[in-house]
Amino acid sequence: MASKNVQTFNDVNFDSDVLKSDVPVLVDFTATWCGPCKMLAPIVEKLADEFEGKVRVGKCDIDDAPGTAAKYGIRSVPTVMVFAKGQKVGQHTGLTNREKLVQLLGV
């Protein structure tokens, strides 16, 4: 990952790092074999840098975190979800642009 501000979420840390976060969290559900995920990655990384301190941004590889992917019904990648106060507050499936992600974040 190019940005130091992009965290890695998995089955072990998802509850503590996402659901219990005191700031909104954008989670990019991704996979190493996914072409559109690779195209979305630079957008997600730029958002992580742009909103550092205001939101938490991270990636969750569905192959490395099958429990979390199943819990949130991830059937297609990339899927981006936004969580606030432990609840899912936004979702977009498929390749998207910066504006749509900022809109999901509500910042």
Protein backbone atom coordinates (compact mmCIF):
# COMPACT_ATOMS: atom_id res chain seq x y z
CA MET A 1 0.00 0.00 0.00
CA ALA A 2 1.31 3.38 -0.98
CA SER A 3 -0.26 5.37 1.87
CA LYS A 4 0.74 4.99 5.51
CA ASN A 5 -2.80 6.14 6.36
CA VAL A 6 -4.49 3.06 4.87
CA GLN A 7 -4.97 0.40 7.51
CA THR A 8 -5.48 -3.32 7.03
CA PHE A 9 -8.67 -4.74 8.49
CA ASN A 10 -9.28 -8.47 9.02
CA ASP A 11 -11.39 -10.91 11.01
CA VAL A 12 -9.25 -10.27 14.12
CA ASN A 13 -9.25 -6.47 14.27
CA PHE A 14 -12.48 -5.48 12.47
CA ASP A 15 -14.56 -5.01 15.63
CA SER A 16 -11.91 -3.02 17.49
CA ASP A 17 -10.61 -0.93 14.58
CA VAL A 18 -13.85 -0.36 12.64
CA LEU A 19 -16.93 -0.88 14.78
CA LYS A 20 -15.44 0.71 17.91
CA SER A 21 -13.75 3.60 16.11
CA ASP A 22 -14.48 7.09 17.41
CA VAL A 23 -14.34 8.48 13.85
CA PRO A 24 -16.12 7.30 10.67
CA VAL A 25 -14.39 4.41 8.89
CA LEU A 26 -14.27 3.75 5.15
CA VAL A 27 -13.63 0.06 4.46
CA ASP A 28 -12.56 -1.02 0.98
CA PHE A 29 -13.45 -4.71 0.65
CA THR A 30 -10.97 -5.90 -1.94
CA ALA A 31 -9.03 -8.87 -3.32
CA THR A 32 -5.56 -9.19 -4.81
CA TRP A 33 -6.95 -10.81 -7.98
CA CYS A 34 -9.52 -8.04 -8.62
CA GLY A 35 -8.72 -5.64 -11.50
CA PRO A 36 -11.25 -2.93 -10.58
CA CYS A 37 -9.96 -3.08 -6.98
CA LYS A 38 -6.50 -2.15 -8.24
CA MET A 39 -8.02 0.79 -10.11
CA LEU A 40 -9.86 1.95 -6.96
CA ALA A 41 -6.81 1.65 -4.68
CA PRO A 42 -5.17 5.01 -5.57
CA ILE A 43 -8.47 6.83 -4.95
CA VAL A 44 -8.85 5.19 -1.53
CA GLU A 45 -5.22 5.96 -0.67
CA LYS A 46 -5.64 9.62 -1.62
CA LEU A 47 -8.77 9.89 0.56
CA ALA A 48 -6.85 8.36 3.47
CA ASP A 49 -4.23 11.09 3.17
CA GLU A 50 -6.73 13.87 2.51
CA PHE A 51 -8.95 13.11 5.50
CA GLU A 52 -6.25 11.96 7.93
CA GLY A 53 -7.48 12.50 11.49
CA LYS A 54 -11.11 12.97 10.39
CA VAL A 55 -11.84 9.46 9.14
CA ARG A 56 -10.13 6.10 9.26
CA VAL A 57 -9.55 4.35 5.93
CA GLY A 58 -8.63 0.74 5.40
CA LYS A 59 -8.74 -2.29 3.19
CA CYS A 60 -10.21 -5.65 4.02
CA ASP A 61 -9.08 -8.47 1.72
CA ILE A 62 -12.03 -10.83 1.42
CA ASP A 63 -9.71 -13.83 1.01
CA ASP A 64 -7.85 -12.96 4.22
CA ALA A 65 -11.02 -12.09 6.16
CA PRO A 66 -13.74 -14.52 5.04
CA GLY A 67 -15.71 -14.16 8.27
CA THR A 68 -16.01 -10.39 7.97
CA ALA A 69 -16.82 -10.61 4.25
CA ALA A 70 -19.58 -13.13 4.97
CA LYS A 71 -20.95 -11.09 7.90
CA TYR A 72 -21.44 -8.06 5.65
CA GLY A 73 -22.66 -10.03 2.62
CA ILE A 74 -19.79 -9.13 0.32
CA ARG A 75 -20.57 -10.84 -2.98
CA SER A 76 -18.68 -8.53 -5.33
CA VAL A 77 -15.46 -6.55 -5.06
CA PRO A 78 -14.67 -3.79 -4.81
CA THR A 79 -17.33 -2.95 -2.25
CA VAL A 80 -16.82 0.13 -0.12
CA MET A 81 -18.69 0.50 3.18
CA VAL A 82 -18.72 3.39 5.61
CA PHE A 83 -19.21 2.72 9.31
CA ALA A 84 -20.01 5.27 12.00
CA LYS A 85 -20.62 4.53 15.68
CA GLY A 86 -20.53 0.79 15.00
CA GLN A 87 -23.17 0.86 12.26
CA LYS A 88 -22.95 0.60 8.50
CA VAL A 89 -24.10 3.99 7.18
CA GLY A 90 -23.18 3.73 3.51
CA GLN A 91 -22.22 1.29 0.78
CA HIS A 92 -21.16 1.28 -2.86
CA THR A 93 -20.36 -1.79 -4.94
CA GLY A 94 -18.13 -1.58 -7.99
CA LEU A 95 -15.53 0.85 -9.24
CA THR A 96 -16.37 4.44 -8.37
CA ASN A 97 -14.82 7.88 -8.17
CA ARG A 98 -13.55 10.14 -5.40
CA GLU A 99 -16.72 12.25 -5.32
CA LYS A 100 -18.94 9.23 -4.64
CA LEU A 101 -16.68 8.08 -1.81
CA VAL A 102 -16.62 11.55 -0.25
CA GLN A 103 -20.42 11.61 -0.51
CA LEU A 104 -20.59 8.22 1.26
CA LEU A 105 -18.36 9.56 4.02
CA GLY A 106 -20.50 12.64 4.46
CA VAL A 107 -17.47 14.90 4.96
